[in-house]
N, C-alpha and C. Protein backbone atom coordinates (compact mmCIF):
# COMPACT_ATOMS: atom_id res chain seq x y z
N UNK A 1 -11.56 -88.43 47.71
CA UNK A 1 -10.72 -88.30 46.62
C UNK A 1 -9.90 -89.52 46.42
N UNK A 2 -9.96 -89.98 45.15
CA UNK A 2 -9.26 -91.37 44.85
C UNK A 2 -7.71 -91.27 45.24
N UNK A 3 -7.40 -92.42 45.87
CA UNK A 3 -5.95 -92.47 46.33
C UNK A 3 -4.94 -92.30 44.98
N UNK A 4 -5.34 -92.78 43.90
CA UNK A 4 -4.45 -92.85 42.60
C UNK A 4 -4.10 -91.37 42.37
N UNK A 5 -4.77 -90.36 42.87
CA UNK A 5 -4.42 -89.03 42.50
C UNK A 5 -3.13 -88.53 43.41
N UNK A 6 -2.91 -89.19 44.42
CA UNK A 6 -1.71 -88.71 45.38
C UNK A 6 -0.35 -88.42 44.66
N UNK A 7 0.19 -89.40 43.84
CA UNK A 7 1.30 -89.10 43.07
C UNK A 7 1.20 -88.07 42.20
N UNK A 8 0.06 -87.90 41.48
CA UNK A 8 -0.22 -86.82 40.38
C UNK A 8 -0.16 -85.48 41.16
N UNK A 9 -0.93 -85.52 42.36
CA UNK A 9 -0.97 -84.25 43.06
C UNK A 9 0.34 -83.68 43.42
N UNK A 10 1.13 -84.59 43.90
CA UNK A 10 2.66 -84.23 44.37
C UNK A 10 3.29 -83.71 43.19
N UNK A 11 3.03 -84.33 42.00
CA UNK A 11 3.75 -83.82 40.71
C UNK A 11 3.12 -82.56 40.31
N UNK A 12 2.06 -82.31 40.40
CA UNK A 12 1.44 -81.10 40.24
C UNK A 12 1.91 -79.93 41.02
N UNK A 13 2.00 -80.26 42.23
CA UNK A 13 2.58 -79.23 43.28
C UNK A 13 3.94 -78.92 42.88
N UNK A 14 4.78 -79.92 42.64
CA UNK A 14 6.08 -79.67 42.07
C UNK A 14 6.31 -78.75 40.90
N UNK A 15 5.26 -79.06 39.95
CA UNK A 15 5.21 -78.26 38.69
C UNK A 15 4.73 -76.64 39.05
N UNK A 16 3.93 -76.62 39.85
CA UNK A 16 3.57 -75.20 40.33
C UNK A 16 4.65 -74.54 41.12
N UNK A 17 5.50 -75.18 41.85
CA UNK A 17 6.68 -74.65 42.61
C UNK A 17 7.62 -74.18 41.45
N UNK A 18 7.97 -75.23 40.60
CA UNK A 18 8.77 -74.93 39.47
C UNK A 18 8.56 -73.66 38.69
N UNK A 19 7.20 -73.59 38.26
CA UNK A 19 6.70 -72.43 37.54
C UNK A 19 6.93 -71.11 38.26
N UNK A 20 6.64 -71.05 39.55
CA UNK A 20 6.92 -69.96 40.37
C UNK A 20 8.32 -69.63 40.47
N UNK A 21 9.16 -70.61 40.79
CA UNK A 21 10.53 -70.35 40.83
C UNK A 21 11.28 -69.76 39.63
N UNK A 22 10.61 -70.32 38.32
CA UNK A 22 11.18 -69.92 37.13
C UNK A 22 10.74 -68.42 36.95
N UNK A 23 9.61 -68.15 37.44
CA UNK A 23 9.12 -66.77 37.22
C UNK A 23 10.07 -65.72 38.03
N UNK A 24 10.36 -66.30 39.22
CA UNK A 24 11.03 -65.41 40.16
C UNK A 24 12.63 -65.28 39.72
N UNK A 25 13.05 -66.45 39.12
CA UNK A 25 14.52 -66.34 38.56
C UNK A 25 14.51 -65.45 37.27
N UNK A 26 13.35 -65.40 36.58
CA UNK A 26 13.46 -64.51 35.37
C UNK A 26 13.13 -63.18 35.65
N UNK A 27 12.76 -62.95 36.99
CA UNK A 27 12.37 -61.55 37.46
C UNK A 27 11.15 -61.02 36.59
N UNK A 28 10.23 -61.91 36.30
CA UNK A 28 8.95 -61.37 35.69
C UNK A 28 7.74 -61.25 36.49
N UNK A 29 8.08 -61.00 37.79
CA UNK A 29 6.92 -60.93 38.74
C UNK A 29 6.21 -59.63 38.75
N UNK A 30 6.53 -58.76 37.80
CA UNK A 30 5.98 -57.45 37.82
C UNK A 30 4.58 -57.32 36.96
N UNK A 31 3.80 -58.17 37.56
CA UNK A 31 2.39 -58.17 36.95
C UNK A 31 1.40 -56.99 37.34
N UNK A 32 0.61 -56.78 36.36
CA UNK A 32 -0.57 -55.76 36.51
C UNK A 32 -1.38 -56.15 37.64
N UNK A 33 -1.73 -57.35 37.85
CA UNK A 33 -2.51 -57.91 38.90
C UNK A 33 -1.89 -57.68 40.17
N UNK A 34 -2.59 -57.10 41.27
CA UNK A 34 -2.14 -56.97 42.53
C UNK A 34 -3.21 -57.41 43.54
N UNK A 35 -2.94 -57.59 44.77
CA UNK A 35 -4.02 -57.96 45.78
C UNK A 35 -5.25 -57.01 45.70
N UNK A 36 -6.40 -57.68 45.60
CA UNK A 36 -7.77 -56.95 45.47
C UNK A 36 -7.97 -56.55 44.02
N UNK A 37 -7.04 -56.77 43.01
CA UNK A 37 -7.38 -56.74 41.63
C UNK A 37 -7.91 -57.95 41.25
N UNK A 38 -9.10 -58.09 40.87
CA UNK A 38 -9.77 -59.34 40.50
C UNK A 38 -10.52 -59.12 39.17
N UNK A 39 -9.96 -58.26 38.19
CA UNK A 39 -10.43 -58.14 36.98
C UNK A 39 -10.56 -59.35 36.05
N UNK A 40 -9.51 -60.18 36.19
CA UNK A 40 -9.56 -61.52 35.42
C UNK A 40 -10.23 -62.56 36.07
N UNK A 41 -10.64 -62.38 37.23
CA UNK A 41 -11.43 -63.46 38.10
C UNK A 41 -12.93 -63.64 37.75
N UNK A 42 -13.15 -64.41 36.61
CA UNK A 42 -14.54 -64.46 36.18
C UNK A 42 -15.01 -65.92 36.39
N UNK A 43 -16.22 -66.13 36.19
CA UNK A 43 -16.77 -67.53 36.35
C UNK A 43 -16.39 -68.51 35.20
N UNK A 44 -15.48 -67.92 34.20
CA UNK A 44 -15.04 -68.76 33.03
C UNK A 44 -13.91 -69.35 33.14
N UNK A 45 -13.28 -69.42 34.36
CA UNK A 45 -12.07 -70.07 34.40
C UNK A 45 -12.10 -71.66 34.61
N UNK A 46 -11.30 -72.33 33.82
CA UNK A 46 -11.45 -73.85 33.75
C UNK A 46 -10.34 -74.52 34.47
N UNK A 47 -10.46 -75.70 34.74
CA UNK A 47 -9.42 -76.48 35.62
C UNK A 47 -9.67 -77.95 35.26
N UNK A 48 -8.49 -78.52 35.35
CA UNK A 48 -8.56 -80.01 35.16
C UNK A 48 -8.92 -80.80 36.43
N UNK A 49 -9.33 -82.07 36.20
CA UNK A 49 -9.81 -82.77 37.37
C UNK A 49 -8.81 -83.07 38.35
N UNK A 50 -7.43 -82.99 38.00
CA UNK A 50 -6.29 -83.08 38.74
C UNK A 50 -6.13 -81.80 39.54
N UNK A 51 -6.31 -80.68 38.90
CA UNK A 51 -6.32 -79.38 39.65
C UNK A 51 -7.38 -79.42 40.66
N UNK A 52 -8.51 -79.92 40.44
CA UNK A 52 -9.59 -79.84 41.27
C UNK A 52 -9.22 -80.66 42.53
N UNK A 53 -8.68 -81.87 42.33
CA UNK A 53 -8.29 -82.78 43.39
C UNK A 53 -7.16 -82.12 44.25
N UNK A 54 -6.32 -81.47 43.61
CA UNK A 54 -5.26 -80.68 44.13
C UNK A 54 -5.88 -79.56 45.28
N UNK A 55 -6.85 -78.92 44.60
CA UNK A 55 -7.47 -77.87 45.39
C UNK A 55 -8.18 -78.44 46.73
N UNK A 56 -8.91 -79.51 46.44
CA UNK A 56 -9.86 -80.14 47.33
C UNK A 56 -8.93 -80.75 48.59
N UNK A 57 -7.92 -81.40 48.18
CA UNK A 57 -6.93 -82.01 49.15
C UNK A 57 -6.32 -80.99 50.10
N UNK A 58 -6.16 -79.71 49.64
CA UNK A 58 -5.56 -78.82 50.39
C UNK A 58 -6.50 -78.12 51.32
N UNK A 59 -7.76 -78.51 51.40
CA UNK A 59 -8.83 -77.94 52.24
C UNK A 59 -9.32 -79.10 53.22
N UNK A 60 -9.45 -78.50 54.45
CA UNK A 60 -10.04 -79.39 55.37
C UNK A 60 -11.69 -79.32 55.11
N UNK A 61 -12.37 -80.41 55.85
CA UNK A 61 -13.78 -80.60 55.44
C UNK A 61 -14.71 -79.37 55.63
N UNK A 62 -14.44 -78.59 56.52
CA UNK A 62 -15.43 -77.36 56.62
C UNK A 62 -15.19 -76.49 55.45
N UNK A 63 -13.71 -76.27 55.07
CA UNK A 63 -13.59 -75.52 53.87
C UNK A 63 -14.07 -76.06 52.68
N UNK A 64 -14.00 -77.30 52.41
CA UNK A 64 -14.59 -77.95 51.34
C UNK A 64 -16.06 -77.79 51.28
N UNK A 65 -16.68 -77.85 52.34
CA UNK A 65 -18.24 -77.59 52.31
C UNK A 65 -18.43 -76.04 52.04
N UNK A 66 -17.73 -75.28 52.56
CA UNK A 66 -17.70 -73.79 52.19
C UNK A 66 -17.67 -73.50 50.84
N UNK A 67 -16.51 -74.28 50.27
CA UNK A 67 -16.30 -74.12 48.71
C UNK A 67 -17.58 -74.58 47.88
N UNK A 68 -18.02 -75.72 48.42
CA UNK A 68 -19.14 -76.22 47.60
C UNK A 68 -20.39 -75.21 47.65
N UNK A 69 -20.61 -74.76 48.91
CA UNK A 69 -21.56 -73.78 48.98
C UNK A 69 -21.65 -72.38 48.07
N UNK A 70 -20.16 -72.11 48.12
CA UNK A 70 -19.81 -70.78 47.34
C UNK A 70 -20.19 -71.09 45.77
N UNK A 71 -19.82 -72.08 45.36
CA UNK A 71 -20.00 -72.29 44.11
C UNK A 71 -21.31 -72.58 43.79
N UNK A 72 -22.09 -73.25 44.41
CA UNK A 72 -23.47 -73.68 44.20
C UNK A 72 -24.22 -72.35 44.33
N UNK A 73 -24.02 -71.50 45.19
CA UNK A 73 -24.85 -70.36 45.68
C UNK A 73 -24.51 -69.13 44.66
N UNK A 74 -23.29 -69.08 44.05
CA UNK A 74 -22.85 -67.88 43.37
C UNK A 74 -22.52 -68.10 41.99
N UNK A 75 -22.84 -69.31 41.43
CA UNK A 75 -22.40 -69.55 39.98
C UNK A 75 -23.62 -69.18 38.96
N UNK A 76 -23.24 -68.31 38.13
CA UNK A 76 -24.17 -67.82 37.22
C UNK A 76 -24.64 -68.97 36.21
N UNK A 77 -25.84 -68.69 35.79
CA UNK A 77 -26.41 -69.61 34.77
C UNK A 77 -25.54 -69.63 33.53
N UNK A 78 -25.15 -68.45 33.06
CA UNK A 78 -24.43 -68.45 31.77
C UNK A 78 -23.01 -68.38 32.14
N UNK A 79 -22.17 -69.32 31.59
CA UNK A 79 -20.86 -69.33 31.85
C UNK A 79 -20.09 -70.14 30.83
N UNK A 80 -18.79 -70.12 30.64
CA UNK A 80 -18.08 -70.84 29.62
C UNK A 80 -17.94 -72.25 30.04
N UNK A 81 -18.38 -73.04 29.16
CA UNK A 81 -18.34 -74.49 29.09
C UNK A 81 -17.56 -74.94 27.91
N UNK A 82 -16.32 -75.39 28.05
CA UNK A 82 -15.48 -75.63 26.91
C UNK A 82 -16.07 -76.77 25.98
N UNK A 83 -15.86 -76.61 24.76
CA UNK A 83 -16.26 -77.69 23.92
C UNK A 83 -15.11 -78.94 23.77
N UNK A 84 -14.07 -78.45 24.09
CA UNK A 84 -12.95 -79.39 24.09
C UNK A 84 -12.21 -79.51 25.44
N UNK A 85 -11.62 -80.51 25.84
CA UNK A 85 -10.86 -80.72 26.96
C UNK A 85 -9.50 -80.06 26.62
N UNK A 86 -8.65 -79.86 27.56
CA UNK A 86 -7.22 -79.49 27.28
C UNK A 86 -6.60 -80.40 26.35
N UNK A 87 -6.68 -81.64 26.55
CA UNK A 87 -6.10 -82.62 25.64
C UNK A 87 -6.88 -82.72 24.27
N UNK A 88 -8.03 -82.37 24.16
CA UNK A 88 -8.68 -82.19 22.80
C UNK A 88 -8.02 -81.12 21.98
N UNK A 89 -7.84 -79.87 22.98
CA UNK A 89 -7.35 -78.70 22.32
C UNK A 89 -5.94 -78.91 21.80
N UNK A 90 -5.12 -79.61 22.49
CA UNK A 90 -3.80 -79.94 22.11
C UNK A 90 -3.76 -80.75 20.96
N UNK A 91 -4.69 -81.85 20.95
CA UNK A 91 -4.78 -82.75 19.76
C UNK A 91 -5.05 -81.89 18.47
N UNK A 92 -6.01 -80.99 18.53
CA UNK A 92 -6.23 -80.22 17.30
C UNK A 92 -5.15 -79.36 16.92
N UNK A 93 -4.40 -78.76 17.94
CA UNK A 93 -3.15 -78.04 17.55
C UNK A 93 -2.07 -78.91 16.93
N UNK A 94 -1.92 -80.22 17.28
CA UNK A 94 -0.78 -81.00 16.82
C UNK A 94 -1.19 -81.50 15.46
N UNK A 95 -2.59 -81.61 15.24
CA UNK A 95 -3.06 -82.05 13.83
C UNK A 95 -3.24 -80.93 12.87
N UNK A 96 -2.88 -79.69 13.38
CA UNK A 96 -3.14 -78.49 12.46
C UNK A 96 -4.58 -78.14 12.30
N UNK A 97 -5.40 -78.68 13.07
CA UNK A 97 -6.89 -78.45 12.88
C UNK A 97 -7.33 -77.23 13.56
N UNK A 98 -8.46 -76.69 13.07
CA UNK A 98 -8.99 -75.34 13.83
C UNK A 98 -9.54 -75.68 15.01
N UNK A 99 -9.45 -74.97 16.03
CA UNK A 99 -10.17 -75.33 17.23
C UNK A 99 -11.51 -74.50 17.20
N UNK A 100 -12.58 -75.36 17.64
CA UNK A 100 -13.96 -74.70 17.33
C UNK A 100 -14.05 -73.48 18.09
N UNK A 101 -14.89 -72.51 17.49
CA UNK A 101 -14.98 -71.26 18.17
C UNK A 101 -15.85 -71.49 19.57
N UNK A 102 -15.60 -70.73 20.56
CA UNK A 102 -16.34 -70.85 21.64
C UNK A 102 -16.59 -69.54 22.24
N UNK A 103 -17.83 -69.46 22.86
CA UNK A 103 -18.19 -68.13 23.46
C UNK A 103 -17.91 -67.98 24.78
N UNK A 104 -17.01 -66.94 25.28
CA UNK A 104 -16.42 -66.75 26.60
C UNK A 104 -16.67 -65.22 26.84
N UNK A 105 -17.41 -65.00 27.68
CA UNK A 105 -17.65 -63.49 28.06
C UNK A 105 -17.56 -63.27 29.37
N UNK A 106 -16.35 -62.35 29.75
CA UNK A 106 -16.27 -62.07 31.11
C UNK A 106 -17.39 -61.45 32.00
N UNK A 107 -18.13 -60.79 31.21
CA UNK A 107 -19.33 -60.11 31.86
C UNK A 107 -20.32 -61.11 32.41
N UNK A 108 -20.27 -62.39 32.13
CA UNK A 108 -21.27 -63.46 32.66
C UNK A 108 -21.05 -63.47 34.19
N UNK A 109 -20.14 -63.10 34.79
CA UNK A 109 -19.98 -63.17 36.31
C UNK A 109 -18.55 -63.13 36.75
N UNK A 110 -18.51 -63.14 38.08
CA UNK A 110 -17.35 -63.01 38.89
C UNK A 110 -16.99 -64.56 39.34
N UNK A 111 -15.84 -64.73 39.69
CA UNK A 111 -15.51 -66.04 40.15
C UNK A 111 -16.21 -66.23 41.55
N UNK A 112 -16.85 -67.32 41.81
CA UNK A 112 -17.63 -67.65 43.15
C UNK A 112 -16.67 -67.72 44.32
N UNK A 113 -15.43 -67.79 44.00
CA UNK A 113 -14.48 -68.04 45.12
C UNK A 113 -13.71 -66.77 45.61
N UNK A 114 -14.07 -65.75 45.09
CA UNK A 114 -13.64 -64.33 45.54
C UNK A 114 -14.39 -63.91 46.90
N UNK A 115 -13.59 -63.34 47.72
CA UNK A 115 -13.96 -62.85 49.02
C UNK A 115 -13.33 -61.56 49.21
N UNK A 116 -14.23 -60.48 49.10
CA UNK A 116 -13.71 -58.99 49.20
C UNK A 116 -12.57 -58.74 48.21
N UNK A 117 -12.76 -59.29 47.07
CA UNK A 117 -11.75 -59.21 45.97
C UNK A 117 -10.56 -59.96 46.11
N UNK A 118 -10.41 -60.84 46.99
CA UNK A 118 -9.34 -61.83 47.25
C UNK A 118 -9.66 -63.25 46.97
N UNK A 119 -8.85 -63.94 46.31
CA UNK A 119 -9.07 -65.46 46.03
C UNK A 119 -9.12 -66.07 47.27
N UNK A 120 -10.08 -66.87 47.51
CA UNK A 120 -10.27 -67.59 48.89
C UNK A 120 -9.49 -68.97 48.95
N UNK A 121 -9.04 -69.38 47.66
CA UNK A 121 -8.29 -70.64 47.62
C UNK A 121 -6.89 -70.24 46.80
N UNK A 122 -6.21 -69.11 47.07
CA UNK A 122 -5.11 -68.60 46.50
C UNK A 122 -3.96 -69.58 46.12
N UNK A 123 -3.51 -70.20 47.18
CA UNK A 123 -2.25 -71.01 47.39
C UNK A 123 -2.82 -72.42 46.50
N UNK A 124 -4.08 -72.66 46.28
CA UNK A 124 -4.35 -73.87 45.65
C UNK A 124 -5.00 -73.63 44.21
N UNK A 125 -4.94 -72.41 43.85
CA UNK A 125 -5.73 -72.03 42.45
C UNK A 125 -5.13 -72.89 41.32
N UNK A 126 -6.06 -73.06 40.39
CA UNK A 126 -5.48 -73.79 39.16
C UNK A 126 -4.55 -72.93 38.32
N UNK A 127 -3.76 -73.55 37.36
CA UNK A 127 -2.86 -72.87 36.59
C UNK A 127 -3.42 -71.81 35.81
N UNK A 128 -4.68 -71.86 35.30
CA UNK A 128 -5.32 -70.89 34.49
C UNK A 128 -5.39 -69.42 35.38
N UNK A 129 -5.54 -69.55 36.68
CA UNK A 129 -5.31 -68.58 37.50
C UNK A 129 -3.95 -68.03 37.70
N UNK A 130 -3.18 -69.02 37.98
CA UNK A 130 -1.81 -68.84 38.19
C UNK A 130 -1.03 -67.95 37.16
N UNK A 131 -1.55 -68.16 35.90
CA UNK A 131 -0.91 -67.74 34.68
C UNK A 131 -1.20 -66.20 34.40
N UNK A 132 -2.35 -65.71 35.10
CA UNK A 132 -2.78 -64.48 34.70
C UNK A 132 -1.74 -63.33 35.05
C-alpha cells in the first residue's frame, strides 16, 4: 500500500467514527438490519480506492490473501460496474446533468465477503455498507 494513503486512511477512520457517533447521538440505530441479515449484501457494492486501502491496511497478510481468494473465487460474472466514479456522479449533480442509467440487480449474487451470513470485514467495511 502506498505510504501517501496513511494520512488519508487516518482521516477516513475519523470520518467513520464521526458518522457512527452522530448516529448514536441522534439515536437512529434502530435499523432493520441485524446480525445474519445480509439481504443488502450483494456483489454490487462499490468502494473507493481509499476505502480499499483502509480495508487492506486493517488486515494481516493471511487475511489479505484470504480476502483475495474469497473475491476471486466467489465473484459472479455479472455484477454492477459503475459508469461514473463518485466524483463523476457528484460533478453531474453539481452541473445539473442527468446521471447515466446503470443496470444494478441484487439477484446477480451475494457479497463474496459474507461468511455464514456475517460480514467478514465488518469493522473495515466501506461507507456503502455502513450506510445500509
